mmCIF file of all heavy atoms, coordinates in Angstrom:
data_MODEL
# 
_entry.id   MODEL 
# 
loop_
_atom_site.group_PDB 
_atom_site.id 
_atom_site.type_symbol 
_atom_site.label_atom_id 
_atom_site.label_alt_id 
_atom_site.label_comp_id 
_atom_site.label_asym_id 
_atom_site.label_entity_id 
_atom_site.label_seq_id 
_atom_site.pdbx_PDB_ins_code 
_atom_site.Cartn_x 
_atom_site.Cartn_y 
_atom_site.Cartn_z 
_atom_site.occupancy 
_atom_site.B_iso_or_equiv 
_atom_site.pdbx_formal_charge 
_atom_site.auth_seq_id 
_atom_site.auth_comp_id 
_atom_site.auth_asym_id 
_atom_site.auth_atom_id 
_atom_site.pdbx_PDB_model_num 
ATOM 1   N N   . LEU A 1 1  ? 7.903   -6.398  -5.100  1.00 0.00 ? 1  LEU A N   1 
ATOM 2   C CA  . LEU A 1 1  ? 8.387   -5.059  -4.655  1.00 0.00 ? 1  LEU A CA  1 
ATOM 3   C C   . LEU A 1 1  ? 7.467   -3.957  -5.121  1.00 0.00 ? 1  LEU A C   1 
ATOM 4   O O   . LEU A 1 1  ? 7.202   -3.013  -4.368  1.00 0.00 ? 1  LEU A O   1 
ATOM 5   C CB  . LEU A 1 1  ? 9.815   -4.847  -5.187  1.00 0.00 ? 1  LEU A CB  1 
ATOM 6   C CG  . LEU A 1 1  ? 10.687  -3.978  -4.278  1.00 0.00 ? 1  LEU A CG  1 
ATOM 7   C CD1 . LEU A 1 1  ? 10.985  -4.653  -2.985  1.00 0.00 ? 1  LEU A CD1 1 
ATOM 8   C CD2 . LEU A 1 1  ? 11.991  -3.615  -5.014  1.00 0.00 ? 1  LEU A CD2 1 
ATOM 9   N N   . ARG A 1 2  ? 6.963   -4.003  -6.298  1.00 0.00 ? 2  ARG A N   1 
ATOM 10  C CA  . ARG A 1 2  ? 6.007   -2.954  -6.759  1.00 0.00 ? 2  ARG A CA  1 
ATOM 11  C C   . ARG A 1 2  ? 4.742   -3.009  -6.010  1.00 0.00 ? 2  ARG A C   1 
ATOM 12  O O   . ARG A 1 2  ? 4.153   -1.933  -5.742  1.00 0.00 ? 2  ARG A O   1 
ATOM 13  C CB  . ARG A 1 2  ? 5.712   -3.122  -8.282  1.00 0.00 ? 2  ARG A CB  1 
ATOM 14  C CG  . ARG A 1 2  ? 6.950   -2.823  -9.171  1.00 0.00 ? 2  ARG A CG  1 
ATOM 15  C CD  . ARG A 1 2  ? 6.650   -3.139  -10.617 1.00 0.00 ? 2  ARG A CD  1 
ATOM 16  N NE  . ARG A 1 2  ? 5.504   -2.305  -11.096 1.00 0.00 ? 2  ARG A NE  1 
ATOM 17  C CZ  . ARG A 1 2  ? 4.776   -2.603  -12.162 1.00 0.00 ? 2  ARG A CZ  1 
ATOM 18  N NH1 . ARG A 1 2  ? 5.046   -3.671  -12.914 1.00 0.00 ? 2  ARG A NH1 1 
ATOM 19  N NH2 . ARG A 1 2  ? 3.802   -1.774  -12.512 1.00 0.00 ? 2  ARG A NH2 1 
ATOM 20  N N   . VAL A 1 3  ? 4.259   -4.183  -5.683  1.00 0.00 ? 3  VAL A N   1 
ATOM 21  C CA  . VAL A 1 3  ? 3.072   -4.298  -4.796  1.00 0.00 ? 3  VAL A CA  1 
ATOM 22  C C   . VAL A 1 3  ? 3.254   -3.665  -3.462  1.00 0.00 ? 3  VAL A C   1 
ATOM 23  O O   . VAL A 1 3  ? 2.482   -2.912  -2.913  1.00 0.00 ? 3  VAL A O   1 
ATOM 24  C CB  . VAL A 1 3  ? 2.554   -5.770  -4.746  1.00 0.00 ? 3  VAL A CB  1 
ATOM 25  C CG1 . VAL A 1 3  ? 1.539   -5.886  -3.600  1.00 0.00 ? 3  VAL A CG1 1 
ATOM 26  C CG2 . VAL A 1 3  ? 2.021   -6.264  -6.023  1.00 0.00 ? 3  VAL A CG2 1 
ATOM 27  N N   . LEU A 1 4  ? 4.453   -3.984  -2.845  1.00 0.00 ? 4  LEU A N   1 
ATOM 28  C CA  . LEU A 1 4  ? 4.809   -3.476  -1.540  1.00 0.00 ? 4  LEU A CA  1 
ATOM 29  C C   . LEU A 1 4  ? 4.877   -1.922  -1.552  1.00 0.00 ? 4  LEU A C   1 
ATOM 30  O O   . LEU A 1 4  ? 4.633   -1.238  -0.544  1.00 0.00 ? 4  LEU A O   1 
ATOM 31  C CB  . LEU A 1 4  ? 6.093   -4.042  -1.089  1.00 0.00 ? 4  LEU A CB  1 
ATOM 32  C CG  . LEU A 1 4  ? 6.124   -5.512  -0.689  1.00 0.00 ? 4  LEU A CG  1 
ATOM 33  C CD1 . LEU A 1 4  ? 7.539   -5.959  -0.453  1.00 0.00 ? 4  LEU A CD1 1 
ATOM 34  C CD2 . LEU A 1 4  ? 5.168   -5.838  0.408   1.00 0.00 ? 4  LEU A CD2 1 
ATOM 35  N N   . ALA A 1 5  ? 5.292   -1.395  -2.745  1.00 0.00 ? 5  ALA A N   1 
ATOM 36  C CA  . ALA A 1 5  ? 5.500   0.044   -2.870  1.00 0.00 ? 5  ALA A CA  1 
ATOM 37  C C   . ALA A 1 5  ? 4.163   0.766   -3.250  1.00 0.00 ? 5  ALA A C   1 
ATOM 38  O O   . ALA A 1 5  ? 4.094   1.999   -3.239  1.00 0.00 ? 5  ALA A O   1 
ATOM 39  C CB  . ALA A 1 5  ? 6.486   0.419   -3.979  1.00 0.00 ? 5  ALA A CB  1 
ATOM 40  N N   . GLY A 1 6  ? 3.121   -0.026  -3.489  1.00 0.00 ? 6  GLY A N   1 
ATOM 41  C CA  . GLY A 1 6  ? 1.852   0.582   -3.885  1.00 0.00 ? 6  GLY A CA  1 
ATOM 42  C C   . GLY A 1 6  ? 1.781   0.974   -5.317  1.00 0.00 ? 6  GLY A C   1 
ATOM 43  O O   . GLY A 1 6  ? 0.834   1.733   -5.708  1.00 0.00 ? 6  GLY A O   1 
ATOM 44  N N   . LEU A 1 7  ? 2.671   0.507   -6.126  1.00 0.00 ? 7  LEU A N   1 
ATOM 45  C CA  . LEU A 1 7  ? 2.696   0.869   -7.591  1.00 0.00 ? 7  LEU A CA  1 
ATOM 46  C C   . LEU A 1 7  ? 1.908   -0.142  -8.395  1.00 0.00 ? 7  LEU A C   1 
ATOM 47  O O   . LEU A 1 7  ? 1.654   0.137   -9.573  1.00 0.00 ? 7  LEU A O   1 
ATOM 48  C CB  . LEU A 1 7  ? 4.180   0.913   -8.076  1.00 0.00 ? 7  LEU A CB  1 
ATOM 49  C CG  . LEU A 1 7  ? 5.048   1.830   -7.320  1.00 0.00 ? 7  LEU A CG  1 
ATOM 50  C CD1 . LEU A 1 7  ? 6.496   1.781   -7.842  1.00 0.00 ? 7  LEU A CD1 1 
ATOM 51  C CD2 . LEU A 1 7  ? 4.513   3.301   -7.514  1.00 0.00 ? 7  LEU A CD2 1 
ATOM 52  N N   . LEU A 1 8  ? 1.557   -1.250  -7.884  1.00 0.00 ? 8  LEU A N   1 
ATOM 53  C CA  . LEU A 1 8  ? 0.770   -2.272  -8.547  1.00 0.00 ? 8  LEU A CA  1 
ATOM 54  C C   . LEU A 1 8  ? -0.311  -2.741  -7.568  1.00 0.00 ? 8  LEU A C   1 
ATOM 55  O O   . LEU A 1 8  ? 0.018   -3.074  -6.437  1.00 0.00 ? 8  LEU A O   1 
ATOM 56  C CB  . LEU A 1 8  ? 1.643   -3.464  -8.981  1.00 0.00 ? 8  LEU A CB  1 
ATOM 57  C CG  . LEU A 1 8  ? 0.976   -4.558  -9.796  1.00 0.00 ? 8  LEU A CG  1 
ATOM 58  C CD1 . LEU A 1 8  ? 0.537   -4.073  -11.150 1.00 0.00 ? 8  LEU A CD1 1 
ATOM 59  C CD2 . LEU A 1 8  ? 1.920   -5.791  -9.879  1.00 0.00 ? 8  LEU A CD2 1 
ATOM 60  N N   . PRO A 1 9  ? -1.601  -2.684  -7.985  1.00 0.00 ? 9  PRO A N   1 
ATOM 61  C CA  . PRO A 1 9  ? -2.619  -3.048  -7.065  1.00 0.00 ? 9  PRO A CA  1 
ATOM 62  C C   . PRO A 1 9  ? -2.685  -4.565  -6.737  1.00 0.00 ? 9  PRO A C   1 
ATOM 63  O O   . PRO A 1 9  ? -2.207  -5.407  -7.528  1.00 0.00 ? 9  PRO A O   1 
ATOM 64  C CB  . PRO A 1 9  ? -3.880  -2.630  -7.799  1.00 0.00 ? 9  PRO A CB  1 
ATOM 65  C CG  . PRO A 1 9  ? -3.531  -2.693  -9.234  1.00 0.00 ? 9  PRO A CG  1 
ATOM 66  C CD  . PRO A 1 9  ? -2.108  -2.284  -9.331  1.00 0.00 ? 9  PRO A CD  1 
ATOM 67  N N   . CYS A 1 10 ? -3.159  -4.848  -5.582  1.00 0.00 ? 10 CYS A N   1 
ATOM 68  C CA  . CYS A 1 10 ? -3.331  -6.286  -5.193  1.00 0.00 ? 10 CYS A CA  1 
ATOM 69  C C   . CYS A 1 10 ? -4.599  -6.811  -5.835  1.00 0.00 ? 10 CYS A C   1 
ATOM 70  O O   . CYS A 1 10 ? -5.700  -6.169  -5.806  1.00 0.00 ? 10 CYS A O   1 
ATOM 71  C CB  . CYS A 1 10 ? -3.468  -6.419  -3.661  1.00 0.00 ? 10 CYS A CB  1 
ATOM 72  S SG  . CYS A 1 10 ? -2.041  -5.844  -2.680  1.00 0.00 ? 10 CYS A SG  1 
ATOM 73  N N   . ALA A 1 11 ? -4.466  -8.019  -6.446  1.00 0.00 ? 11 ALA A N   1 
ATOM 74  C CA  . ALA A 1 11 ? -5.696  -8.698  -6.907  1.00 0.00 ? 11 ALA A CA  1 
ATOM 75  C C   . ALA A 1 11 ? -6.423  -9.362  -5.782  1.00 0.00 ? 11 ALA A C   1 
ATOM 76  O O   . ALA A 1 11 ? -7.617  -9.583  -5.841  1.00 0.00 ? 11 ALA A O   1 
ATOM 77  C CB  . ALA A 1 11 ? -5.330  -9.694  -7.967  1.00 0.00 ? 11 ALA A CB  1 
ATOM 78  N N   . ALA A 1 12 ? -5.708  -9.716  -4.721  1.00 0.00 ? 12 ALA A N   1 
ATOM 79  C CA  . ALA A 1 12 ? -6.247  -10.280 -3.513  1.00 0.00 ? 12 ALA A CA  1 
ATOM 80  C C   . ALA A 1 12 ? -5.269  -9.934  -2.377  1.00 0.00 ? 12 ALA A C   1 
ATOM 81  O O   . ALA A 1 12 ? -4.049  -9.635  -2.591  1.00 0.00 ? 12 ALA A O   1 
ATOM 82  C CB  . ALA A 1 12 ? -6.403  -11.799 -3.634  1.00 0.00 ? 12 ALA A CB  1 
ATOM 83  N N   . GLY A 1 13 ? -5.774  -9.912  -1.133  1.00 0.00 ? 13 GLY A N   1 
ATOM 84  C CA  . GLY A 1 13 ? -4.965  -9.586  0.049   1.00 0.00 ? 13 GLY A CA  1 
ATOM 85  C C   . GLY A 1 13 ? -4.697  -8.079  0.110   1.00 0.00 ? 13 GLY A C   1 
ATOM 86  O O   . GLY A 1 13 ? -5.371  -7.275  -0.631  1.00 0.00 ? 13 GLY A O   1 
ATOM 87  N N   . ASP A 1 14 ? -3.807  -7.698  1.006   1.00 0.00 ? 14 ASP A N   1 
ATOM 88  C CA  . ASP A 1 14 ? -3.584  -6.307  1.199   1.00 0.00 ? 14 ASP A CA  1 
ATOM 89  C C   . ASP A 1 14 ? -2.174  -6.078  1.771   1.00 0.00 ? 14 ASP A C   1 
ATOM 90  O O   . ASP A 1 14 ? -1.515  -7.019  2.293   1.00 0.00 ? 14 ASP A O   1 
ATOM 91  C CB  . ASP A 1 14 ? -4.632  -5.646  2.126   1.00 0.00 ? 14 ASP A CB  1 
ATOM 92  C CG  . ASP A 1 14 ? -4.329  -6.075  3.564   1.00 0.00 ? 14 ASP A CG  1 
ATOM 93  O OD1 . ASP A 1 14 ? -4.552  -7.278  3.917   1.00 0.00 ? 14 ASP A OD1 1 
ATOM 94  O OD2 . ASP A 1 14 ? -4.004  -5.199  4.408   1.00 0.00 ? 14 ASP A OD2 1 
ATOM 95  N N   . VAL A 1 15 ? -1.678  -4.881  1.630   1.00 0.00 ? 15 VAL A N   1 
ATOM 96  C CA  . VAL A 1 15 ? -0.380  -4.443  2.188   1.00 0.00 ? 15 VAL A CA  1 
ATOM 97  C C   . VAL A 1 15 ? -0.618  -3.383  3.225   1.00 0.00 ? 15 VAL A C   1 
ATOM 98  O O   . VAL A 1 15 ? -1.419  -2.434  3.012   1.00 0.00 ? 15 VAL A O   1 
ATOM 99  C CB  . VAL A 1 15 ? 0.529   -3.842  1.055   1.00 0.00 ? 15 VAL A CB  1 
ATOM 100 C CG1 . VAL A 1 15 ? 1.825   -3.362  1.659   1.00 0.00 ? 15 VAL A CG1 1 
ATOM 101 C CG2 . VAL A 1 15 ? 0.841   -4.917  -0.019  1.00 0.00 ? 15 VAL A CG2 1 
ATOM 102 N N   . GLN A 1 16 ? 0.110   -3.499  4.350   1.00 0.00 ? 16 GLN A N   1 
ATOM 103 C CA  . GLN A 1 16 ? 0.019   -2.446  5.419   1.00 0.00 ? 16 GLN A CA  1 
ATOM 104 C C   . GLN A 1 16 ? 1.343   -1.820  5.605   1.00 0.00 ? 16 GLN A C   1 
ATOM 105 O O   . GLN A 1 16 ? 2.374   -2.521  5.697   1.00 0.00 ? 16 GLN A O   1 
ATOM 106 C CB  . GLN A 1 16 ? -0.458  -3.136  6.699   1.00 0.00 ? 16 GLN A CB  1 
ATOM 107 C CG  . GLN A 1 16 ? -1.943  -3.585  6.621   1.00 0.00 ? 16 GLN A CG  1 
ATOM 108 C CD  . GLN A 1 16 ? -2.513  -3.795  8.025   1.00 0.00 ? 16 GLN A CD  1 
ATOM 109 O OE1 . GLN A 1 16 ? -1.813  -3.925  9.016   1.00 0.00 ? 16 GLN A OE1 1 
ATOM 110 N NE2 . GLN A 1 16 ? -3.879  -3.853  8.071   1.00 0.00 ? 16 GLN A NE2 1 
ATOM 111 N N   . LEU A 1 17 ? 1.320   -0.515  5.754   1.00 0.00 ? 17 LEU A N   1 
ATOM 112 C CA  . LEU A 1 17 ? 2.451   0.263   6.073   1.00 0.00 ? 17 LEU A CA  1 
ATOM 113 C C   . LEU A 1 17 ? 2.336   0.884   7.458   1.00 0.00 ? 17 LEU A C   1 
ATOM 114 O O   . LEU A 1 17 ? 1.350   1.690   7.686   1.00 0.00 ? 17 LEU A O   1 
ATOM 115 C CB  . LEU A 1 17 ? 2.666   1.400   4.964   1.00 0.00 ? 17 LEU A CB  1 
ATOM 116 C CG  . LEU A 1 17 ? 3.724   2.464   5.273   1.00 0.00 ? 17 LEU A CG  1 
ATOM 117 C CD1 . LEU A 1 17 ? 5.135   1.797   5.283   1.00 0.00 ? 17 LEU A CD1 1 
ATOM 118 C CD2 . LEU A 1 17 ? 3.653   3.520   4.267   1.00 0.00 ? 17 LEU A CD2 1 
ATOM 119 N N   . MET A 1 18 ? 3.167   0.535   8.348   1.00 0.00 ? 18 MET A N   1 
ATOM 120 C CA  . MET A 1 18 ? 3.180   1.001   9.759   1.00 0.00 ? 18 MET A CA  1 
ATOM 121 C C   . MET A 1 18 ? 1.734   0.877   10.325  1.00 0.00 ? 18 MET A C   1 
ATOM 122 O O   . MET A 1 18 ? 1.152   1.768   10.826  1.00 0.00 ? 18 MET A O   1 
ATOM 123 C CB  . MET A 1 18 ? 3.606   2.520   9.748   1.00 0.00 ? 18 MET A CB  1 
ATOM 124 C CG  . MET A 1 18 ? 4.982   2.671   9.160   1.00 0.00 ? 18 MET A CG  1 
ATOM 125 S SD  . MET A 1 18 ? 5.601   4.371   9.124   1.00 0.00 ? 18 MET A SD  1 
ATOM 126 C CE  . MET A 1 18 ? 5.999   4.647   10.927  1.00 0.00 ? 18 MET A CE  1 
ATOM 127 N N   . ASP A 1 19 ? 1.228   -0.322  10.153  1.00 0.00 ? 19 ASP A N   1 
ATOM 128 C CA  . ASP A 1 19 ? -0.054  -0.792  10.793  1.00 0.00 ? 19 ASP A CA  1 
ATOM 129 C C   . ASP A 1 19 ? -1.278  -0.148  10.191  1.00 0.00 ? 19 ASP A C   1 
ATOM 130 O O   . ASP A 1 19 ? -2.364  -0.259  10.779  1.00 0.00 ? 19 ASP A O   1 
ATOM 131 C CB  . ASP A 1 19 ? -0.012  -0.576  12.316  1.00 0.00 ? 19 ASP A CB  1 
ATOM 132 C CG  . ASP A 1 19 ? 1.045   -1.390  13.021  1.00 0.00 ? 19 ASP A CG  1 
ATOM 133 O OD1 . ASP A 1 19 ? 1.310   -2.542  12.556  1.00 0.00 ? 19 ASP A OD1 1 
ATOM 134 O OD2 . ASP A 1 19 ? 1.665   -0.922  13.968  1.00 0.00 ? 19 ASP A OD2 1 
ATOM 135 N N   . GLN A 1 20 ? -1.170  0.491   9.030   1.00 0.00 ? 20 GLN A N   1 
ATOM 136 C CA  . GLN A 1 20 ? -2.299  0.988   8.339   1.00 0.00 ? 20 GLN A CA  1 
ATOM 137 C C   . GLN A 1 20 ? -2.295  0.512   6.904   1.00 0.00 ? 20 GLN A C   1 
ATOM 138 O O   . GLN A 1 20 ? -1.191  0.382   6.282   1.00 0.00 ? 20 GLN A O   1 
ATOM 139 C CB  . GLN A 1 20 ? -2.306  2.573   8.353   1.00 0.00 ? 20 GLN A CB  1 
ATOM 140 C CG  . GLN A 1 20 ? -2.518  3.260   9.703   1.00 0.00 ? 20 GLN A CG  1 
ATOM 141 C CD  . GLN A 1 20 ? -2.673  4.675   9.547   1.00 0.00 ? 20 GLN A CD  1 
ATOM 142 O OE1 . GLN A 1 20 ? -3.347  5.200   8.682   1.00 0.00 ? 20 GLN A OE1 1 
ATOM 143 N NE2 . GLN A 1 20 ? -2.016  5.456   10.421  1.00 0.00 ? 20 GLN A NE2 1 
ATOM 144 N N   . PRO A 1 21 ? -3.467  0.241   6.382   1.00 0.00 ? 21 PRO A N   1 
ATOM 145 C CA  . PRO A 1 21 ? -3.515  -0.170  4.974   1.00 0.00 ? 21 PRO A CA  1 
ATOM 146 C C   . PRO A 1 21 ? -2.788  0.780   4.076   1.00 0.00 ? 21 PRO A C   1 
ATOM 147 O O   . PRO A 1 21 ? -2.971  2.064   4.215   1.00 0.00 ? 21 PRO A O   1 
ATOM 148 C CB  . PRO A 1 21 ? -5.050  -0.181  4.555   1.00 0.00 ? 21 PRO A CB  1 
ATOM 149 C CG  . PRO A 1 21 ? -5.647  -0.469  5.967   1.00 0.00 ? 21 PRO A CG  1 
ATOM 150 C CD  . PRO A 1 21 ? -4.832  0.229   6.933   1.00 0.00 ? 21 PRO A CD  1 
ATOM 151 N N   . LEU A 1 22 ? -1.945  0.332   3.151   1.00 0.00 ? 22 LEU A N   1 
ATOM 152 C CA  . LEU A 1 22 ? -1.116  1.209   2.358   1.00 0.00 ? 22 LEU A CA  1 
ATOM 153 C C   . LEU A 1 22 ? -1.936  2.204   1.570   1.00 0.00 ? 22 LEU A C   1 
ATOM 154 O O   . LEU A 1 22 ? -1.560  3.393   1.480   1.00 0.00 ? 22 LEU A O   1 
ATOM 155 C CB  . LEU A 1 22 ? -0.339  0.315   1.404   1.00 0.00 ? 22 LEU A CB  1 
ATOM 156 C CG  . LEU A 1 22 ? 0.741   0.944   0.515   1.00 0.00 ? 22 LEU A CG  1 
ATOM 157 C CD1 . LEU A 1 22 ? 1.824   1.559   1.388   1.00 0.00 ? 22 LEU A CD1 1 
ATOM 158 C CD2 . LEU A 1 22 ? 1.362   0.048   -0.452  1.00 0.00 ? 22 LEU A CD2 1 
ATOM 159 N N   . LEU A 1 23 ? -3.081  1.798   1.082   1.00 0.00 ? 23 LEU A N   1 
ATOM 160 C CA  . LEU A 1 23 ? -3.851  2.718   0.201   1.00 0.00 ? 23 LEU A CA  1 
ATOM 161 C C   . LEU A 1 23 ? -4.628  3.747   1.026   1.00 0.00 ? 23 LEU A C   1 
ATOM 162 O O   . LEU A 1 23 ? -5.166  4.716   0.412   1.00 0.00 ? 23 LEU A O   1 
ATOM 163 C CB  . LEU A 1 23 ? -4.856  1.868   -0.574  1.00 0.00 ? 23 LEU A CB  1 
ATOM 164 C CG  . LEU A 1 23 ? -4.252  0.882   -1.579  1.00 0.00 ? 23 LEU A CG  1 
ATOM 165 C CD1 . LEU A 1 23 ? -5.292  0.099   -2.329  1.00 0.00 ? 23 LEU A CD1 1 
ATOM 166 C CD2 . LEU A 1 23 ? -3.345  1.549   -2.531  1.00 0.00 ? 23 LEU A CD2 1 
ATOM 167 N N   . ARG A 1 24 ? -4.585  3.678   2.295   1.00 0.00 ? 24 ARG A N   1 
ATOM 168 C CA  . ARG A 1 24 ? -5.226  4.711   3.135   1.00 0.00 ? 24 ARG A CA  1 
ATOM 169 C C   . ARG A 1 24 ? -4.331  5.908   3.384   1.00 0.00 ? 24 ARG A C   1 
ATOM 170 O O   . ARG A 1 24 ? -4.761  6.943   3.811   1.00 0.00 ? 24 ARG A O   1 
ATOM 171 C CB  . ARG A 1 24 ? -5.712  4.131   4.480   1.00 0.00 ? 24 ARG A CB  1 
ATOM 172 C CG  . ARG A 1 24 ? -6.923  3.216   4.378   1.00 0.00 ? 24 ARG A CG  1 
ATOM 173 C CD  . ARG A 1 24 ? -7.492  2.859   5.674   1.00 0.00 ? 24 ARG A CD  1 
ATOM 174 N NE  . ARG A 1 24 ? -8.552  1.912   5.603   1.00 0.00 ? 24 ARG A NE  1 
ATOM 175 C CZ  . ARG A 1 24 ? -9.240  1.316   6.634   1.00 0.00 ? 24 ARG A CZ  1 
ATOM 176 N NH1 . ARG A 1 24 ? -8.865  1.701   7.824   1.00 0.00 ? 24 ARG A NH1 1 
ATOM 177 N NH2 . ARG A 1 24 ? -10.152 0.451   6.424   1.00 0.00 ? 24 ARG A NH2 1 
ATOM 178 N N   . TRP A 1 25 ? -3.039  5.647   3.137   1.00 0.00 ? 25 TRP A N   1 
ATOM 179 C CA  . TRP A 1 25 ? -2.091  6.817   3.322   1.00 0.00 ? 25 TRP A CA  1 
ATOM 180 C C   . TRP A 1 25 ? -2.295  7.775   2.138   1.00 0.00 ? 25 TRP A C   1 
ATOM 181 O O   . TRP A 1 25 ? -2.392  7.327   1.019   1.00 0.00 ? 25 TRP A O   1 
ATOM 182 C CB  . TRP A 1 25 ? -0.679  6.290   3.301   1.00 0.00 ? 25 TRP A CB  1 
ATOM 183 C CG  . TRP A 1 25 ? -0.240  5.496   4.502   1.00 0.00 ? 25 TRP A CG  1 
ATOM 184 C CD1 . TRP A 1 25 ? -0.225  4.160   4.702   1.00 0.00 ? 25 TRP A CD1 1 
ATOM 185 C CD2 . TRP A 1 25 ? 0.186   6.072   5.728   1.00 0.00 ? 25 TRP A CD2 1 
ATOM 186 N NE1 . TRP A 1 25 ? 0.242   3.803   5.917   1.00 0.00 ? 25 TRP A NE1 1 
ATOM 187 C CE2 . TRP A 1 25 ? 0.518   4.963   6.649   1.00 0.00 ? 25 TRP A CE2 1 
ATOM 188 C CE3 . TRP A 1 25 ? 0.449   7.362   6.218   1.00 0.00 ? 25 TRP A CE3 1 
ATOM 189 C CZ2 . TRP A 1 25 ? 1.012   5.113   7.860   1.00 0.00 ? 25 TRP A CZ2 1 
ATOM 190 C CZ3 . TRP A 1 25 ? 0.939   7.530   7.518   1.00 0.00 ? 25 TRP A CZ3 1 
ATOM 191 C CH2 . TRP A 1 25 ? 1.214   6.378   8.316   1.00 0.00 ? 25 TRP A CH2 1 
ATOM 192 N N   . ARG A 1 26 ? -2.309  9.007   2.479   1.00 0.00 ? 26 ARG A N   1 
ATOM 193 C CA  . ARG A 1 26 ? -2.247  10.016  1.407   1.00 0.00 ? 26 ARG A CA  1 
ATOM 194 C C   . ARG A 1 26 ? -0.961  9.876   0.669   1.00 0.00 ? 26 ARG A C   1 
ATOM 195 O O   . ARG A 1 26 ? 0.102   9.483   1.253   1.00 0.00 ? 26 ARG A O   1 
ATOM 196 C CB  . ARG A 1 26 ? -2.367  11.388  1.956   1.00 0.00 ? 26 ARG A CB  1 
ATOM 197 C CG  . ARG A 1 26 ? -3.788  11.686  2.628   1.00 0.00 ? 26 ARG A CG  1 
ATOM 198 C CD  . ARG A 1 26 ? -3.805  13.104  3.161   1.00 0.00 ? 26 ARG A CD  1 
ATOM 199 N NE  . ARG A 1 26 ? -5.118  13.393  3.708   1.00 0.00 ? 26 ARG A NE  1 
ATOM 200 C CZ  . ARG A 1 26 ? -5.429  14.477  4.351   1.00 0.00 ? 26 ARG A CZ  1 
ATOM 201 N NH1 . ARG A 1 26 ? -4.569  15.518  4.408   1.00 0.00 ? 26 ARG A NH1 1 
ATOM 202 N NH2 . ARG A 1 26 ? -6.668  14.654  4.836   1.00 0.00 ? 26 ARG A NH2 1 
ATOM 203 N N   . THR A 1 27 ? -0.918  10.205  -0.585  1.00 0.00 ? 27 THR A N   1 
ATOM 204 C CA  . THR A 1 27 ? 0.280   10.041  -1.513  1.00 0.00 ? 27 THR A CA  1 
ATOM 205 C C   . THR A 1 27 ? 1.499   10.653  -0.892  1.00 0.00 ? 27 THR A C   1 
ATOM 206 O O   . THR A 1 27 ? 2.582   9.979   -0.818  1.00 0.00 ? 27 THR A O   1 
ATOM 207 C CB  . THR A 1 27 ? 0.015   10.558  -2.906  1.00 0.00 ? 27 THR A CB  1 
ATOM 208 O OG1 . THR A 1 27 ? -1.177  9.975   -3.427  1.00 0.00 ? 27 THR A OG1 1 
ATOM 209 C CG2 . THR A 1 27 ? 1.196   10.340  -3.777  1.00 0.00 ? 27 THR A CG2 1 
ATOM 210 N N   . ARG A 1 28 ? 1.421   11.857  -0.424  1.00 0.00 ? 28 ARG A N   1 
ATOM 211 C CA  . ARG A 1 28 ? 2.570   12.549  0.125   1.00 0.00 ? 28 ARG A CA  1 
ATOM 212 C C   . ARG A 1 28 ? 3.020   11.923  1.426   1.00 0.00 ? 28 ARG A C   1 
ATOM 213 O O   . ARG A 1 28 ? 4.244   11.716  1.670   1.00 0.00 ? 28 ARG A O   1 
ATOM 214 C CB  . ARG A 1 28 ? 2.243   14.011  0.312   1.00 0.00 ? 28 ARG A CB  1 
ATOM 215 C CG  . ARG A 1 28 ? 3.435   14.819  0.849   1.00 0.00 ? 28 ARG A CG  1 
ATOM 216 C CD  . ARG A 1 28 ? 3.141   16.300  0.861   1.00 0.00 ? 28 ARG A CD  1 
ATOM 217 N NE  . ARG A 1 28 ? 4.228   17.070  1.487   1.00 0.00 ? 28 ARG A NE  1 
ATOM 218 C CZ  . ARG A 1 28 ? 4.183   18.387  1.709   1.00 0.00 ? 28 ARG A CZ  1 
ATOM 219 N NH1 . ARG A 1 28 ? 3.112   19.049  1.254   1.00 0.00 ? 28 ARG A NH1 1 
ATOM 220 N NH2 . ARG A 1 28 ? 5.201   19.018  2.228   1.00 0.00 ? 28 ARG A NH2 1 
ATOM 221 N N   . GLU A 1 29 ? 2.070   11.521  2.261   1.00 0.00 ? 29 GLU A N   1 
ATOM 222 C CA  . GLU A 1 29 ? 2.423   10.841  3.521   1.00 0.00 ? 29 GLU A CA  1 
ATOM 223 C C   . GLU A 1 29 ? 3.119   9.486   3.319   1.00 0.00 ? 29 GLU A C   1 
ATOM 224 O O   . GLU A 1 29 ? 4.054   9.194   3.957   1.00 0.00 ? 29 GLU A O   1 
ATOM 225 C CB  . GLU A 1 29 ? 1.194   10.689  4.405   1.00 0.00 ? 29 GLU A CB  1 
ATOM 226 C CG  . GLU A 1 29 ? 0.577   11.976  4.874   1.00 0.00 ? 29 GLU A CG  1 
ATOM 227 C CD  . GLU A 1 29 ? -0.747  11.714  5.659   1.00 0.00 ? 29 GLU A CD  1 
ATOM 228 O OE1 . GLU A 1 29 ? -1.358  10.678  5.353   1.00 0.00 ? 29 GLU A OE1 1 
ATOM 229 O OE2 . GLU A 1 29 ? -1.088  12.497  6.528   1.00 0.00 ? 29 GLU A OE2 1 
ATOM 230 N N   . ARG A 1 30 ? 2.619   8.777   2.355   1.00 0.00 ? 30 ARG A N   1 
ATOM 231 C CA  . ARG A 1 30 ? 3.206   7.464   1.972   1.00 0.00 ? 30 ARG A CA  1 
ATOM 232 C C   . ARG A 1 30 ? 4.633   7.710   1.437   1.00 0.00 ? 30 ARG A C   1 
ATOM 233 O O   . ARG A 1 30 ? 5.572   6.925   1.775   1.00 0.00 ? 30 ARG A O   1 
ATOM 234 C CB  . ARG A 1 30 ? 2.343   6.752   0.994   1.00 0.00 ? 30 ARG A CB  1 
ATOM 235 C CG  . ARG A 1 30 ? 2.867   5.403   0.667   1.00 0.00 ? 30 ARG A CG  1 
ATOM 236 C CD  . ARG A 1 30 ? 1.891   4.644   -0.267  1.00 0.00 ? 30 ARG A CD  1 
ATOM 237 N NE  . ARG A 1 30 ? 1.768   5.173   -1.585  1.00 0.00 ? 30 ARG A NE  1 
ATOM 238 C CZ  . ARG A 1 30 ? 0.837   4.880   -2.471  1.00 0.00 ? 30 ARG A CZ  1 
ATOM 239 N NH1 . ARG A 1 30 ? -0.099  3.996   -2.205  1.00 0.00 ? 30 ARG A NH1 1 
ATOM 240 N NH2 . ARG A 1 30 ? 0.825   5.457   -3.644  1.00 0.00 ? 30 ARG A NH2 1 
# 
């Protein structure tokens, strides 16, 4: 759950929020 929320980084793979990489969202937008 923390990885999905962007609170813990992925050691491998990635998470996407609304078809964009989670880490590309600005903090406020996320």
